[in-house]
Amino acid sequence: MQADLVAPREMLDFHDARGIDLPHPMTALEGWTLAMRQPLPGVALAFRIRDAISARFGVKRIGGFSGRMDQAPKVGDKLDFFEVERIEPEILTLSERDRHLDVVTCITTHGQRLTITSSVKVHNLFGRLYMIPVAPAHRLIVSALLRRMRRDIRGV
């Protein structure tokens, strides 16, 4: 399954795709739920810092990840700060859009492979400056999430 992107690949300002092999197939939503069930240490603090700084520039607070989902989401619902754009067994597309940048995170599964793909289209200078620390932090966070998922799935 090909991941949804916020814009055509050649127009993106940021693109990152990372994945893991699964011991058994799962849906994209199951993958998201497993990844988000418990926030990584330090991520909540990072989001608080992000919100405190970004709010001064008119960026809405996002609050981070709660690890909660009250019911099965549908298109238009919110999963934490993301809006659900697409949900099918093999693909979950989430977005957050504002005047500085648009973000799409897409979880795909194909057989026993799960991939998290994130894409960003920047709209202005603040968006570009914002991505300077966020791009490397994003890569570290997703890598840590996938390592934890692999460990949790295997029960190690």
C-alpha atoms as a PDB file:
ATOM      1  CA  MET A   1       0.000   0.000   0.000  1.00  0.00           C
ATOM      2  CA  GLN A   2       1.422   3.371  -1.002  1.00  0.00           C
ATOM      3  CA  ALA A   3       1.379   6.047   1.696  1.00  0.00           C
ATOM      4  CA  ASP A   4      -0.642   9.227   1.300  1.00  0.00           C
ATOM      5  CA  LEU A   5       1.493  12.379   1.250  1.00  0.00           C
ATOM      6  CA  VAL A   6       0.589  16.011   1.919  1.00  0.00           C
ATOM      7  CA  ALA A   7       1.828  16.967  -1.583  1.00  0.00           C
ATOM      8  CA  PRO A   8       3.596  15.296  -4.511  1.00  0.00           C
ATOM      9  CA  ARG A   9       6.968  13.904  -3.370  1.00  0.00           C
ATOM     10  CA  GLU A  10       9.027  16.450  -5.328  1.00  0.00           C
ATOM     11  CA  MET A  11       7.173  19.355  -3.655  1.00  0.00           C
ATOM     12  CA  LEU A  12       7.689  18.203  -0.053  1.00  0.00           C
ATOM     13  CA  ASP A  13       9.847  20.083   2.412  1.00  0.00           C
ATOM     14  CA  PHE A  14      10.169  17.013   4.649  1.00  0.00           C
ATOM     15  CA  HIS A  15       9.612  13.313   4.014  1.00  0.00           C
ATOM     16  CA  ASP A  16      10.417  10.395   6.276  1.00  0.00           C
ATOM     17  CA  ALA A  17       9.363   6.753   6.020  1.00  0.00           C
ATOM     18  CA  ARG A  18      10.365   4.108   8.557  1.00  0.00           C
ATOM     19  CA  GLY A  19       9.001   0.649   9.123  1.00  0.00           C
ATOM     20  CA  ILE A  20       9.241  -2.665  10.875  1.00  0.00           C
ATOM     21  CA  ASP A  21       8.480  -6.259  10.051  1.00  0.00           C
ATOM     22  CA  LEU A  22       5.621  -7.712  12.058  1.00  0.00           C
ATOM     23  CA  PRO A  23       5.316 -11.289  13.349  1.00  0.00           C
ATOM     24  CA  HIS A  24       1.706 -11.270  12.136  1.00  0.00           C
ATOM     25  CA  PRO A  25      -0.459  -8.962  10.013  1.00  0.00           C
ATOM     26  CA  MET A  26      -2.301  -6.089  11.698  1.00  0.00           C
ATOM     27  CA  THR A  27      -4.424  -3.210  10.525  1.00  0.00           C
ATOM     28  CA  ALA A  28      -3.028   0.301  10.248  1.00  0.00           C
ATOM     29  CA  LEU A  29      -5.265   1.404  13.137  1.00  0.00           C
ATOM     30  CA  GLU A  30      -3.981  -1.467  15.299  1.00  0.00           C
ATOM     31  CA  GLY A  31      -0.453  -0.294  14.483  1.00  0.00           C
ATOM     32  CA  TRP A  32      -1.288   3.292  15.470  1.00  0.00           C
ATOM     33  CA  THR A  33      -2.925   2.103  18.690  1.00  0.00           C
ATOM     34  CA  LEU A  34       0.103   0.002  19.608  1.00  0.00           C
ATOM     35  CA  ALA A  35       2.505   2.859  18.836  1.00  0.00           C
ATOM     36  CA  MET A  36       0.523   5.479  20.759  1.00  0.00           C
ATOM     37  CA  ARG A  37      -0.737   3.430  23.702  1.00  0.00           C
ATOM     38  CA  GLN A  38       1.863   4.933  26.014  1.00  0.00           C
ATOM     39  CA  PRO A  39       3.747   8.142  25.182  1.00  0.00           C
ATOM     40  CA  LEU A  40       7.521   7.823  25.035  1.00  0.00           C
ATOM     41  CA  PRO A  41       9.471   9.295  27.962  1.00  0.00           C
ATOM     42  CA  GLY A  42      10.356  12.920  27.299  1.00  0.00           C
ATOM     43  CA  VAL A  43       7.891  13.398  24.452  1.00  0.00           C
ATOM     44  CA  ALA A  44       5.256  15.030  26.678  1.00  0.00           C
ATOM     45  CA  LEU A  45       7.849  17.562  27.857  1.00  0.00           C
ATOM     46  CA  ALA A  46       8.946  18.193  24.270  1.00  0.00           C
ATOM     47  CA  PHE A  47       5.340  18.933  23.274  1.00  0.00           C
ATOM     48  CA  ARG A  48       4.889  21.300  26.243  1.00  0.00           C
ATOM     49  CA  ILE A  49       8.018  23.199  25.197  1.00  0.00           C
ATOM     50  CA  ARG A  50       6.854  23.201  21.575  1.00  0.00           C
ATOM     51  CA  ASP A  51       3.444  24.557  22.565  1.00  0.00           C
ATOM     52  CA  ALA A  52       4.909  27.279  24.804  1.00  0.00           C
ATOM     53  CA  ILE A  53       7.248  28.553  22.089  1.00  0.00           C
ATOM     54  CA  SER A  54       4.966  28.093  19.088  1.00  0.00           C
ATOM     55  CA  ALA A  55       1.940  29.739  20.727  1.00  0.00           C
ATOM     56  CA  ARG A  56       3.871  33.026  20.740  1.00  0.00           C
ATOM     57  CA  PHE A  57       3.837  32.861  16.935  1.00  0.00           C
ATOM     58  CA  GLY A  58       0.145  32.115  16.552  1.00  0.00           C
ATOM     59  CA  VAL A  59       0.486  28.349  16.280  1.00  0.00           C
ATOM     60  CA  LYS A  60      -2.234  26.399  18.038  1.00  0.00           C
ATOM     61  CA  ARG A  61      -1.286  24.192  20.943  1.00  0.00           C
ATOM     62  CA  ILE A  62      -1.379  20.491  20.129  1.00  0.00           C
ATOM     63  CA  GLY A  63      -0.751  18.975  23.539  1.00  0.00           C
ATOM     64  CA  GLY A  64       0.940  15.816  22.307  1.00  0.00           C
ATOM     65  CA  PHE A  65      -0.286  12.245  22.386  1.00  0.00           C
ATOM     66  CA  SER A  66      -2.726  10.982  24.999  1.00  0.00           C
ATOM     67  CA  GLY A  67      -2.506   7.253  24.318  1.00  0.00           C
ATOM     68  CA  ARG A  68      -6.326   7.133  24.441  1.00  0.00           C
ATOM     69  CA  MET A  69      -8.949   6.311  21.868  1.00  0.00           C
ATOM     70  CA  ASP A  70     -12.533   6.171  23.095  1.00  0.00           C
ATOM     71  CA  GLN A  71     -14.025   4.593  19.978  1.00  0.00           C
ATOM     72  CA  ALA A  72     -13.042   3.479  16.505  1.00  0.00           C
ATOM     73  CA  PRO A  73     -12.309   6.666  14.561  1.00  0.00           C
ATOM     74  CA  LYS A  74     -13.871   7.648  11.258  1.00  0.00           C
ATOM     75  CA  VAL A  75     -12.914  10.236   8.643  1.00  0.00           C
ATOM     76  CA  GLY A  76     -13.149  13.717  10.163  1.00  0.00           C
ATOM     77  CA  ASP A  77     -12.578  12.544  13.753  1.00  0.00           C
ATOM     78  CA  LYS A  78      -9.559  13.609  15.789  1.00  0.00           C
ATOM     79  CA  LEU A  79      -6.876  11.250  17.050  1.00  0.00           C
ATOM     80  CA  ASP A  80      -5.205  13.539  19.560  1.00  0.00           C
ATOM     81  CA  PHE A  81      -4.302  16.614  17.474  1.00  0.00           C
ATOM     82  CA  PHE A  82      -4.480  14.858  14.097  1.00  0.00           C
ATOM     83  CA  GLU A  83      -7.561  14.773  11.886  1.00  0.00           C
ATOM     84  CA  VAL A  84      -8.391  11.394  10.352  1.00  0.00           C
ATOM     85  CA  GLU A  85      -8.382  11.840   6.568  1.00  0.00           C
ATOM     86  CA  ARG A  86      -8.540   8.198   5.535  1.00  0.00           C
ATOM     87  CA  ILE A  87      -9.047   4.951   7.374  1.00  0.00           C
ATOM     88  CA  GLU A  88      -8.998   1.521   5.790  1.00  0.00           C
ATOM     89  CA  PRO A  89      -7.588  -1.780   7.040  1.00  0.00           C
ATOM     90  CA  GLU A  90      -4.184  -1.158   5.415  1.00  0.00           C
ATOM     91  CA  ILE A  91      -3.951   2.636   5.666  1.00  0.00           C
ATOM     92  CA  LEU A  92      -4.553   5.333   8.265  1.00  0.00           C
ATOM     93  CA  THR A  93      -3.945   8.895   7.084  1.00  0.00           C
ATOM     94  CA  LEU A  94      -3.767  11.665   9.673  1.00  0.00           C
ATOM     95  CA  SER A  95      -3.243  15.385   9.110  1.00  0.00           C
ATOM     96  CA  GLU A  96      -2.639  18.656  10.879  1.00  0.00           C
ATOM     97  CA  ARG A  97      -2.777  21.824   8.813  1.00  0.00           C
ATOM     98  CA  ASP A  98      -2.173  25.438   9.763  1.00  0.00           C
ATOM     99  CA  ARG A  99      -0.929  28.656   8.187  1.00  0.00           C
ATOM    100  CA  HIS A 100       2.737  27.709   8.725  1.00  0.00           C
ATOM    101  CA  LEU A 101       2.814  24.132   7.453  1.00  0.00           C
ATOM    102  CA  ASP A 102       0.751  21.084   6.586  1.00  0.00           C
ATOM    103  CA  VAL A 103       1.631  17.659   7.980  1.00  0.00           C
ATOM    104  CA  VAL A 104       0.390  14.235   6.917  1.00  0.00           C
ATOM    105  CA  THR A 105       1.337  11.115   8.836  1.00  0.00           C
ATOM    106  CA  CYS A 106       0.340   7.874   7.173  1.00  0.00           C
ATOM    107  CA  ILE A 107       0.493   4.424   8.738  1.00  0.00           C
ATOM    108  CA  THR A 108       0.405   1.621   6.210  1.00  0.00           C
ATOM    109  CA  THR A 109       0.473  -2.126   6.549  1.00  0.00           C
ATOM    110  CA  HIS A 110       1.149  -4.614   3.819  1.00  0.00           C
ATOM    111  CA  GLY A 111       1.312  -8.235   4.842  1.00  0.00           C
ATOM    112  CA  GLN A 112       3.705  -8.307   7.755  1.00  0.00           C
ATOM    113  CA  ARG A 113       5.223  -4.856   7.200  1.00  0.00           C
ATOM    114  CA  LEU A 114       4.165  -1.657   8.981  1.00  0.00           C
ATOM    115  CA  THR A 115       5.442   1.725   7.797  1.00  0.00           C
ATOM    116  CA  ILE A 116       5.031   5.202   9.266  1.00  0.00           C
ATOM    117  CA  THR A 117       5.413   7.909   6.625  1.00  0.00           C
ATOM    118  CA  SER A 118       5.407  11.599   7.458  1.00  0.00           C
ATOM    119  CA  SER A 119       5.351  14.432   4.949  1.00  0.00           C
ATOM    120  CA  VAL A 120       5.405  18.191   5.418  1.00  0.00           C
ATOM    121  CA  LYS A 121       4.728  21.148   3.154  1.00  0.00           C
ATOM    122  CA  VAL A 122       5.962  24.440   4.609  1.00  0.00           C
ATOM    123  CA  HIS A 123       4.131  27.709   3.844  1.00  0.00           C
ATOM    124  CA  ASN A 124       6.363  30.420   5.306  1.00  0.00           C
ATOM    125  CA  LEU A 125       9.557  31.324   7.157  1.00  0.00           C
ATOM    126  CA  PHE A 126       8.193  30.303  10.553  1.00  0.00           C
ATOM    127  CA  GLY A 127       7.326  26.872   9.157  1.00  0.00           C
ATOM    128  CA  ARG A 128      10.875  26.485   7.811  1.00  0.00           C
ATOM    129  CA  LEU A 129      12.401  27.569  11.128  1.00  0.00           C
ATOM    130  CA  TYR A 130      10.036  25.264  13.018  1.00  0.00           C
ATOM    131  CA  MET A 131      11.191  22.276  10.980  1.00  0.00           C
ATOM    132  CA  ILE A 132      14.895  22.832  11.793  1.00  0.00           C
ATOM    133  CA  PRO A 133      14.635  21.138  15.221  1.00  0.00           C
ATOM    134  CA  VAL A 134      11.474  19.159  14.467  1.00  0.00           C
ATOM    135  CA  ALA A 135      12.822  17.157  11.498  1.00  0.00           C
ATOM    136  CA  PRO A 136      15.650  15.409  13.400  1.00  0.00           C
ATOM    137  CA  ALA A 137      13.489  15.061  16.525  1.00  0.00           C
ATOM    138  CA  HIS A 138      10.749  13.450  14.444  1.00  0.00           C
ATOM    139  CA  ARG A 139      13.169  10.859  13.049  1.00  0.00           C
ATOM    140  CA  LEU A 140      14.387   9.978  16.552  1.00  0.00           C
ATOM    141  CA  ILE A 141      10.857   9.735  17.969  1.00  0.00           C
ATOM    142  CA  VAL A 142       9.527   7.518  15.168  1.00  0.00           C
ATOM    143  CA  SER A 143      12.596   5.266  15.366  1.00  0.00           C
ATOM    144  CA  ALA A 144      12.089   4.916  19.135  1.00  0.00           C
ATOM    145  CA  LEU A 145       8.369   4.183  18.657  1.00  0.00           C
ATOM    146  CA  LEU A 146       9.143   1.467  16.127  1.00  0.00           C
ATOM    147  CA  ARG A 147      11.811  -0.098  18.374  1.00  0.00           C
ATOM    148  CA  ARG A 148       9.320  -0.197  21.244  1.00  0.00           C
ATOM    149  CA  MET A 149       6.610  -1.644  18.986  1.00  0.00           C
ATOM    150  CA  ARG A 150       8.974  -4.384  17.808  1.00  0.00           C
ATOM    151  CA  ARG A 151       9.861  -5.216  21.416  1.00  0.00           C
ATOM    152  CA  ASP A 152       6.211  -5.146  22.574  1.00  0.00           C
ATOM    153  CA  ILE A 153       4.995  -7.307  19.697  1.00  0.00           C
ATOM    154  CA  ARG A 154       7.642  -9.922  20.393  1.00  0.00           C
ATOM    155  CA  GLY A 155       6.992  -9.772  24.135  1.00  0.00           C
ATOM    156  CA  VAL A 156      10.641  -9.091  24.942  1.00  0.00           C
END
